[in-house]
Amino acid sequence: AGLYPMAQRLILFVVPVLVVLGVAGLDATVGLSGARWERPAWLGASVGMVLPLLWVSVLQGAKPDAAPRMAGLVKELAPRRAGEPVYVFGRALPAWEFYTTDWSYPDHARLAFLDRVARSDGPAFENSPSRERPVARTEGADLWYRSSRGQELIGLPTGMEYRAGGRLSRRRPDAGWVPREADRIQGAASPGVWVVMAEFFGPEYELLEELKRRGGAITYGRSWPGHILFRYEFPRPTAGSR
């Protein structure tokens, strides 16, 4: 219906049923050809199914590896964070939660919090539709969690809902999303703050430009395909400034 993007992980569970139904239908169709043509029909059908899949495999093997790099990003961040806060872009939250959790001794309270805010009706759901209004100045005030490793700021959804077929409901984040997230990031800096972004579409880069306009200096930066890890420091307020 084009109402929700069916990710590959979900389709994986549907594929066996589709294969069984497809083969059953093919068997019934080939049976109509009669005994004389049954074997050539199966041979032709097999070639018709295998060749496209083989071609796709060749193309994928020739493409540069664009697999998610969250595991490497987390490994890069861990020895450098030193208790400083981390801003996690909303669409990166599921992978961030998985790779930053010590599954031998998980922080159940943290997992419960992240699961609650990231679910489909939560305030940080990665694929939320547009608010159809500007982002409120106080939105996301409680979207943070503090553990022994420091504070995690969970990003607000942009409102750029992804739909089936590679379509976006909007070409830009909701009005006010950039300044609100910049306020949260700058306000958390102590003195530095880390920004983790993944699974973004492009217009979200406006947030990084806004941090730069506010005087945020990048003291550490790494990027992988579709993944960004930056550390920012902001100028300290001068005496009498507001």
C-alpha atoms as a PDB file:
ATOM      1  CA  ALA A   1       0.000   0.000   0.000  1.00  0.00           C
ATOM      2  CA  GLY A   2       3.061   2.265   0.139  1.00  0.00           C
ATOM      3  CA  LEU A   3       2.300   3.260   3.708  1.00  0.00           C
ATOM      4  CA  TYR A   4       5.364   1.794   5.396  1.00  0.00           C
ATOM      5  CA  PRO A   5       8.868   0.894   4.147  1.00  0.00           C
ATOM      6  CA  MET A   6       9.164  -2.885   4.336  1.00  0.00           C
ATOM      7  CA  ALA A   7      12.808  -3.314   5.287  1.00  0.00           C
ATOM      8  CA  GLN A   8      14.820  -6.299   4.132  1.00  0.00           C
ATOM      9  CA  ARG A   9      14.826  -7.745   7.635  1.00  0.00           C
ATOM     10  CA  LEU A  10      11.029  -7.956   7.569  1.00  0.00           C
ATOM     11  CA  ILE A  11      10.844  -9.266   4.022  1.00  0.00           C
ATOM     12  CA  LEU A  12      13.232 -12.037   5.045  1.00  0.00           C
ATOM     13  CA  PHE A  13      10.428 -13.746   6.964  1.00  0.00           C
ATOM     14  CA  VAL A  14       8.014 -13.436   4.040  1.00  0.00           C
ATOM     15  CA  VAL A  15      10.368 -14.793   1.376  1.00  0.00           C
ATOM     16  CA  PRO A  16      10.008 -18.537   2.241  1.00  0.00           C
ATOM     17  CA  VAL A  17       6.225 -18.331   1.862  1.00  0.00           C
ATOM     18  CA  LEU A  18       6.568 -16.423  -1.418  1.00  0.00           C
ATOM     19  CA  VAL A  19       9.041 -18.993  -2.735  1.00  0.00           C
ATOM     20  CA  VAL A  20       6.718 -21.896  -1.907  1.00  0.00           C
ATOM     21  CA  LEU A  21       3.756 -20.148  -3.533  1.00  0.00           C
ATOM     22  CA  GLY A  22       5.810 -19.202  -6.579  1.00  0.00           C
ATOM     23  CA  VAL A  23       7.127 -22.723  -7.134  1.00  0.00           C
ATOM     24  CA  ALA A  24       3.648 -24.189  -6.660  1.00  0.00           C
ATOM     25  CA  GLY A  25       2.263 -21.811  -9.268  1.00  0.00           C
ATOM     26  CA  LEU A  26       5.152 -22.550 -11.627  1.00  0.00           C
ATOM     27  CA  ASP A  27       4.649 -26.280 -11.201  1.00  0.00           C
ATOM     28  CA  ALA A  28       0.979 -25.931 -12.077  1.00  0.00           C
ATOM     29  CA  THR A  29       1.812 -23.830 -15.141  1.00  0.00           C
ATOM     30  CA  VAL A  30       4.508 -26.214 -16.397  1.00  0.00           C
ATOM     31  CA  GLY A  31       2.113 -29.140 -15.918  1.00  0.00           C
ATOM     32  CA  LEU A  32      -0.171 -27.609 -18.542  1.00  0.00           C
ATOM     33  CA  SER A  33       2.539 -27.999 -21.182  1.00  0.00           C
ATOM     34  CA  GLY A  34       2.232 -31.787 -21.232  1.00  0.00           C
ATOM     35  CA  ALA A  35       4.778 -34.494 -20.505  1.00  0.00           C
ATOM     36  CA  ARG A  36       6.768 -33.845 -23.698  1.00  0.00           C
ATOM     37  CA  TRP A  37       7.501 -30.208 -22.880  1.00  0.00           C
ATOM     38  CA  GLU A  38       7.666 -30.465 -19.099  1.00  0.00           C
ATOM     39  CA  ARG A  39      11.431 -30.929 -18.849  1.00  0.00           C
ATOM     40  CA  PRO A  40      12.358 -28.118 -21.323  1.00  0.00           C
ATOM     41  CA  ALA A  41       9.835 -25.854 -19.585  1.00  0.00           C
ATOM     42  CA  TRP A  42      11.461 -26.459 -16.196  1.00  0.00           C
ATOM     43  CA  LEU A  43      14.905 -25.846 -17.696  1.00  0.00           C
ATOM     44  CA  GLY A  44      13.794 -22.566 -19.225  1.00  0.00           C
ATOM     45  CA  ALA A  45      12.085 -21.459 -16.023  1.00  0.00           C
ATOM     46  CA  SER A  46      15.185 -22.302 -13.979  1.00  0.00           C
ATOM     47  CA  VAL A  47      17.455 -20.315 -16.279  1.00  0.00           C
ATOM     48  CA  GLY A  48      15.005 -17.417 -16.198  1.00  0.00           C
ATOM     49  CA  MET A  49      15.093 -17.356 -12.402  1.00  0.00           C
ATOM     50  CA  VAL A  50      18.832 -17.939 -11.884  1.00  0.00           C
ATOM     51  CA  LEU A  51      20.293 -15.507 -14.418  1.00  0.00           C
ATOM     52  CA  PRO A  52      18.720 -12.307 -12.964  1.00  0.00           C
ATOM     53  CA  LEU A  53      19.793 -13.303  -9.447  1.00  0.00           C
ATOM     54  CA  LEU A  54      23.307 -14.049 -10.687  1.00  0.00           C
ATOM     55  CA  TRP A  55      23.469 -10.663 -12.395  1.00  0.00           C
ATOM     56  CA  VAL A  56      22.359  -8.893  -9.215  1.00  0.00           C
ATOM     57  CA  SER A  57      25.005 -10.785  -7.220  1.00  0.00           C
ATOM     58  CA  VAL A  58      27.720  -9.725  -9.675  1.00  0.00           C
ATOM     59  CA  LEU A  59      26.652  -6.081  -9.493  1.00  0.00           C
ATOM     60  CA  GLN A  60      26.561  -6.108  -5.689  1.00  0.00           C
ATOM     61  CA  GLY A  61      29.981  -7.734  -5.546  1.00  0.00           C
ATOM     62  CA  ALA A  62      31.405  -4.992  -7.766  1.00  0.00           C
ATOM     63  CA  LYS A  63      29.961  -2.140  -5.692  1.00  0.00           C
ATOM     64  CA  PRO A  64      32.003  -0.548  -2.898  1.00  0.00           C
ATOM     65  CA  ASP A  65      31.081  -1.837   0.510  1.00  0.00           C
ATOM     66  CA  ALA A  66      28.403   0.472   1.917  1.00  0.00           C
ATOM     67  CA  ALA A  67      27.422  -1.665   4.902  1.00  0.00           C
ATOM     68  CA  PRO A  68      26.582   0.110   8.159  1.00  0.00           C
ATOM     69  CA  ARG A  69      29.646   1.207  10.103  1.00  0.00           C
ATOM     70  CA  MET A  70      28.049   1.731  13.503  1.00  0.00           C
ATOM     71  CA  ALA A  71      30.153  -0.981  15.162  1.00  0.00           C
ATOM     72  CA  GLY A  72      33.358   0.713  14.010  1.00  0.00           C
ATOM     73  CA  LEU A  73      32.031   4.142  14.975  1.00  0.00           C
ATOM     74  CA  VAL A  74      31.270   2.979  18.511  1.00  0.00           C
ATOM     75  CA  LYS A  75      34.710   1.398  18.782  1.00  0.00           C
ATOM     76  CA  GLU A  76      36.284   4.665  17.631  1.00  0.00           C
ATOM     77  CA  LEU A  77      34.299   6.719  20.142  1.00  0.00           C
ATOM     78  CA  ALA A  78      34.670   4.576  23.269  1.00  0.00           C
ATOM     79  CA  PRO A  79      38.290   5.406  24.244  1.00  0.00           C
ATOM     80  CA  ARG A  80      37.878   9.108  23.369  1.00  0.00           C
ATOM     81  CA  ARG A  81      34.563   9.975  24.961  1.00  0.00           C
ATOM     82  CA  ALA A  82      35.820  10.365  28.538  1.00  0.00           C
ATOM     83  CA  GLY A  83      32.312  10.795  29.963  1.00  0.00           C
ATOM     84  CA  GLU A  84      31.303  13.577  27.589  1.00  0.00           C
ATOM     85  CA  PRO A  85      27.725  13.763  26.282  1.00  0.00           C
ATOM     86  CA  VAL A  86      26.775  12.221  22.944  1.00  0.00           C
ATOM     87  CA  TYR A  87      24.008  13.376  20.632  1.00  0.00           C
ATOM     88  CA  VAL A  88      22.518  10.422  18.728  1.00  0.00           C
ATOM     89  CA  PHE A  89      20.628  11.260  15.543  1.00  0.00           C
ATOM     90  CA  GLY A  90      17.176   9.669  15.685  1.00  0.00           C
ATOM     91  CA  ARG A  91      17.558   7.353  12.696  1.00  0.00           C
ATOM     92  CA  ALA A  92      20.832   6.054  14.156  1.00  0.00           C
ATOM     93  CA  LEU A  93      19.256   5.095  17.480  1.00  0.00           C
ATOM     94  CA  PRO A  94      18.418   1.402  16.798  1.00  0.00           C
ATOM     95  CA  ALA A  95      21.971   0.571  15.680  1.00  0.00           C
ATOM     96  CA  TRP A  96      23.466   2.775  18.412  1.00  0.00           C
ATOM     97  CA  GLU A  97      21.485   0.951  21.094  1.00  0.00           C
ATOM     98  CA  PHE A  98      22.613  -2.443  19.824  1.00  0.00           C
ATOM     99  CA  TYR A  99      26.326  -1.710  19.470  1.00  0.00           C
ATOM    100  CA  THR A 100      26.746   0.352  22.641  1.00  0.00           C
ATOM    101  CA  THR A 101      25.090  -2.196  24.925  1.00  0.00           C
ATOM    102  CA  ASP A 102      27.194  -4.637  26.904  1.00  0.00           C
ATOM    103  CA  TRP A 103      24.954  -7.639  26.394  1.00  0.00           C
ATOM    104  CA  SER A 104      26.809  -9.635  29.058  1.00  0.00           C
ATOM    105  CA  TYR A 105      25.747  -7.105  31.712  1.00  0.00           C
ATOM    106  CA  PRO A 106      23.103  -4.905  30.078  1.00  0.00           C
ATOM    107  CA  ASP A 107      21.804  -1.731  31.676  1.00  0.00           C
ATOM    108  CA  HIS A 108      18.132  -2.733  31.691  1.00  0.00           C
ATOM    109  CA  ALA A 109      16.916   0.714  32.736  1.00  0.00           C
ATOM    110  CA  ARG A 110      18.759   2.285  29.792  1.00  0.00           C
ATOM    111  CA  LEU A 111      17.409  -0.305  27.355  1.00  0.00           C
ATOM    112  CA  ALA A 112      13.872   0.246  28.639  1.00  0.00           C
ATOM    113  CA  PHE A 113      14.237   4.000  28.143  1.00  0.00           C
ATOM    114  CA  LEU A 114      15.645   3.699  24.618  1.00  0.00           C
ATOM    115  CA  ASP A 115      13.030   1.148  23.620  1.00  0.00           C
ATOM    116  CA  ARG A 116      10.257   3.384  24.933  1.00  0.00           C
ATOM    117  CA  VAL A 117      11.337   6.542  23.104  1.00  0.00           C
ATOM    118  CA  ALA A 118      12.228   4.708  19.870  1.00  0.00           C
ATOM    119  CA  ARG A 119       9.032   2.705  19.418  1.00  0.00           C
ATOM    120  CA  SER A 120       6.540   3.668  16.740  1.00  0.00           C
ATOM    121  CA  ASP A 121       4.506   5.880  19.083  1.00  0.00           C
ATOM    122  CA  GLY A 122       7.547   7.210  20.932  1.00  0.00           C
ATOM    123  CA  PRO A 123       8.957  10.763  20.762  1.00  0.00           C
ATOM    124  CA  ALA A 124      12.130   9.608  18.977  1.00  0.00           C
ATOM    125  CA  PHE A 125      10.673   7.167  16.446  1.00  0.00           C
ATOM    126  CA  GLU A 126      13.099   7.159  13.533  1.00  0.00           C
ATOM    127  CA  ASN A 127      10.439   7.305  10.801  1.00  0.00           C
ATOM    128  CA  SER A 128       7.884   9.668  12.303  1.00  0.00           C
ATOM    129  CA  PRO A 129       5.746  11.659   9.862  1.00  0.00           C
ATOM    130  CA  SER A 130       5.865  15.431   9.766  1.00  0.00           C
ATOM    131  CA  ARG A 131       4.461  17.286  12.751  1.00  0.00           C
ATOM    132  CA  GLU A 132       2.757  19.668  10.315  1.00  0.00           C
ATOM    133  CA  ARG A 133       3.931  22.444  12.611  1.00  0.00           C
ATOM    134  CA  PRO A 134       7.242  23.946  13.761  1.00  0.00           C
ATOM    135  CA  VAL A 135       9.221  22.044  16.389  1.00  0.00           C
ATOM    136  CA  ALA A 136       8.454  23.444  19.836  1.00  0.00           C
ATOM    137  CA  ARG A 137      11.263  25.163  21.738  1.00  0.00           C
ATOM    138  CA  THR A 138      10.905  22.710  24.611  1.00  0.00           C
ATOM    139  CA  GLU A 139      10.513  19.564  22.517  1.00  0.00           C
ATOM    140  CA  GLY A 140      12.965  16.837  23.449  1.00  0.00           C
ATOM    141  CA  ALA A 141      13.681  18.280  26.889  1.00  0.00           C
ATOM    142  CA  ASP A 142      13.355  14.811  28.422  1.00  0.00           C
ATOM    143  CA  LEU A 143      14.986  12.880  25.563  1.00  0.00           C
ATOM    144  CA  TRP A 144      18.204  12.077  27.353  1.00  0.00           C
ATOM    145  CA  TYR A 145      19.649   9.345  29.522  1.00  0.00           C
ATOM    146  CA  ARG A 146      22.570   9.531  31.918  1.00  0.00           C
ATOM    147  CA  SER A 147      24.642   6.471  32.757  1.00  0.00           C
ATOM    148  CA  SER A 148      28.122   5.821  34.084  1.00  0.00           C
ATOM    149  CA  ARG A 149      29.461   6.541  30.599  1.00  0.00           C
ATOM    150  CA  GLY A 150      27.852   9.975  30.418  1.00  0.00           C
ATOM    151  CA  GLN A 151      24.768  11.605  28.963  1.00  0.00           C
ATOM    152  CA  GLU A 152      23.059  10.461  25.773  1.00  0.00           C
ATOM    153  CA  LEU A 153      20.944  13.019  23.951  1.00  0.00           C
ATOM    154  CA  ILE A 154      18.428  11.281  21.725  1.00  0.00           C
ATOM    155  CA  GLY A 155      17.638  13.122  18.520  1.00  0.00           C
ATOM    156  CA  LEU A 156      14.183  14.365  17.644  1.00  0.00           C
ATOM    157  CA  PRO A 157      12.618  12.968  14.455  1.00  0.00           C
ATOM    158  CA  THR A 158      13.034  15.240  11.462  1.00  0.00           C
ATOM    159  CA  GLY A 159       9.560  14.631  10.064  1.00  0.00           C
ATOM    160  CA  MET A 160      11.068  13.400   6.783  1.00  0.00           C
ATOM    161  CA  GLU A 161       9.140  10.156   6.708  1.00  0.00           C
ATOM    162  CA  TYR A 162      10.553   7.472   4.407  1.00  0.00           C
ATOM    163  CA  ARG A 163       7.964   5.619   2.379  1.00  0.00           C
ATOM    164  CA  ALA A 164       8.021   2.541   0.184  1.00  0.00           C
ATOM    165  CA  GLY A 165       9.692   3.032  -3.174  1.00  0.00           C
ATOM    166  CA  GLY A 166      12.384   5.377  -1.893  1.00  0.00           C
ATOM    167  CA  ARG A 167      10.090   8.344  -1.451  1.00  0.00           C
ATOM    168  CA  LEU A 168      10.236  10.944   1.315  1.00  0.00           C
ATOM    169  CA  SER A 169       7.179  12.721   2.658  1.00  0.00           C
ATOM    170  CA  ARG A 170       9.241  15.933   2.854  1.00  0.00           C
ATOM    171  CA  ARG A 171      12.456  17.209   1.313  1.00  0.00           C
ATOM    172  CA  ARG A 172      13.515  19.151   4.395  1.00  0.00           C
ATOM    173  CA  PRO A 173      13.203  18.658   8.158  1.00  0.00           C
ATOM    174  CA  ASP A 174      10.257  20.215   9.936  1.00  0.00           C
ATOM    175  CA  ALA A 175      10.614  23.939  10.607  1.00  0.00           C
ATOM    176  CA  GLY A 176      12.536  24.562  13.807  1.00  0.00           C
ATOM    177  CA  TRP A 177      14.170  21.123  13.894  1.00  0.00           C
ATOM    178  CA  VAL A 178      17.658  22.448  13.141  1.00  0.00           C
ATOM    179  CA  PRO A 179      17.759  25.251  15.751  1.00  0.00           C
ATOM    180  CA  ARG A 180      16.105  23.095  18.402  1.00  0.00           C
ATOM    181  CA  GLU A 181      18.605  20.270  17.988  1.00  0.00           C
ATOM    182  CA  ALA A 182      21.467  22.777  17.856  1.00  0.00           C
ATOM    183  CA  ASP A 183      20.254  24.266  21.143  1.00  0.00           C
ATOM    184  CA  ARG A 184      20.223  20.839  22.769  1.00  0.00           C
ATOM    185  CA  ILE A 185      23.683  19.929  21.493  1.00  0.00           C
ATOM    186  CA  GLN A 186      25.271  23.239  22.413  1.00  0.00           C
ATOM    187  CA  GLY A 187      23.611  23.243  25.811  1.00  0.00           C
ATOM    188  CA  ALA A 188      24.995  19.790  26.617  1.00  0.00           C
ATOM    189  CA  ALA A 189      28.633  20.568  25.758  1.00  0.00           C
ATOM    190  CA  SER A 190      30.911  20.125  28.794  1.00  0.00           C
ATOM    191  CA  PRO A 191      33.221  21.329  27.288  1.00  0.00           C
ATOM    192  CA  GLY A 192      32.895  18.966  24.327  1.00  0.00           C
ATOM    193  CA  VAL A 193      29.928  17.121  22.881  1.00  0.00           C
ATOM    194  CA  TRP A 194      29.946  14.259  20.385  1.00  0.00           C
ATOM    195  CA  VAL A 195      27.560  14.009  17.457  1.00  0.00           C
ATOM    196  CA  VAL A 196      26.694  10.613  15.984  1.00  0.00           C
ATOM    197  CA  MET A 197      24.725  10.529  12.747  1.00  0.00           C
ATOM    198  CA  ALA A 198      23.752   7.604  10.527  1.00  0.00           C
ATOM    199  CA  GLU A 199      21.004   6.679   8.093  1.00  0.00           C
ATOM    200  CA  PHE A 200      20.500  10.323   7.111  1.00  0.00           C
ATOM    201  CA  PHE A 201      19.153  11.547   3.772  1.00  0.00           C
ATOM    202  CA  GLY A 202      21.190  14.713   3.223  1.00  0.00           C
ATOM    203  CA  PRO A 203      19.162  17.751   4.318  1.00  0.00           C
ATOM    204  CA  GLU A 204      20.000  16.883   7.943  1.00  0.00           C
ATOM    205  CA  TYR A 205      23.469  18.286   7.236  1.00  0.00           C
ATOM    206  CA  GLU A 206      21.890  21.668   7.949  1.00  0.00           C
ATOM    207  CA  LEU A 207      22.284  20.802  11.621  1.00  0.00           C
ATOM    208  CA  LEU A 208      26.058  20.524  11.265  1.00  0.00           C
ATOM    209  CA  GLU A 209      26.149  23.840   9.399  1.00  0.00           C
ATOM    210  CA  GLU A 210      24.161  25.440  12.209  1.00  0.00           C
ATOM    211  CA  LEU A 211      26.624  24.153  14.811  1.00  0.00           C
ATOM    212  CA  LYS A 212      29.427  25.662  12.736  1.00  0.00           C
ATOM    213  CA  ARG A 213      27.626  29.019  12.546  1.00  0.00           C
ATOM    214  CA  ARG A 214      27.338  29.018  16.325  1.00  0.00           C
ATOM    215  CA  GLY A 215      31.090  28.757  16.667  1.00  0.00           C
ATOM    216  CA  GLY A 216      31.263  25.023  17.222  1.00  0.00           C
ATOM    217  CA  ALA A 217      34.803  23.868  16.474  1.00  0.00           C
ATOM    218  CA  ILE A 218      35.315  20.290  15.315  1.00  0.00           C
ATOM    219  CA  THR A 219      38.122  18.890  17.416  1.00  0.00           C
ATOM    220  CA  TYR A 220      37.731  15.337  16.128  1.00  0.00           C
ATOM    221  CA  GLY A 221      36.022  14.048  13.045  1.00  0.00           C
ATOM    222  CA  ARG A 222      35.608  10.723  11.285  1.00  0.00           C
ATOM    223  CA  SER A 223      33.208   9.642   8.608  1.00  0.00           C
ATOM    224  CA  TRP A 224      32.271   6.360   6.998  1.00  0.00           C
ATOM    225  CA  PRO A 225      29.721   5.755   4.237  1.00  0.00           C
ATOM    226  CA  GLY A 226      26.479   6.998   5.743  1.00  0.00           C
ATOM    227  CA  HIS A 227      27.992   7.515   9.207  1.00  0.00           C
ATOM    228  CA  ILE A 228      29.489  10.555  10.947  1.00  0.00           C
ATOM    229  CA  LEU A 229      31.296  11.006  14.265  1.00  0.00           C
ATOM    230  CA  PHE A 230      32.247  14.573  15.260  1.00  0.00           C
ATOM    231  CA  ARG A 231      33.312  16.204  18.510  1.00  0.00           C
ATOM    232  CA  TYR A 232      32.410  19.871  18.971  1.00  0.00           C
ATOM    233  CA  GLU A 233      33.582  22.529  21.399  1.00  0.00           C
ATOM    234  CA  PHE A 234      31.827  25.875  21.693  1.00  0.00           C
ATOM    235  CA  PRO A 235      33.224  29.220  22.841  1.00  0.00           C
ATOM    236  CA  ARG A 236      32.714  29.848  26.542  1.00  0.00           C
ATOM    237  CA  PRO A 237      30.320  32.712  27.338  1.00  0.00           C
ATOM    238  CA  THR A 238      32.138  35.929  28.160  1.00  0.00           C
ATOM    239  CA  ALA A 239      31.428  37.907  31.305  1.00  0.00           C
ATOM    240  CA  GLY A 240      28.124  39.740  30.995  1.00  0.00           C
ATOM    241  CA  SER A 241      26.946  37.730  28.009  1.00  0.00           C
ATOM    242  CA  ARG A 242      23.469  36.256  28.073  1.00  0.00           C
END
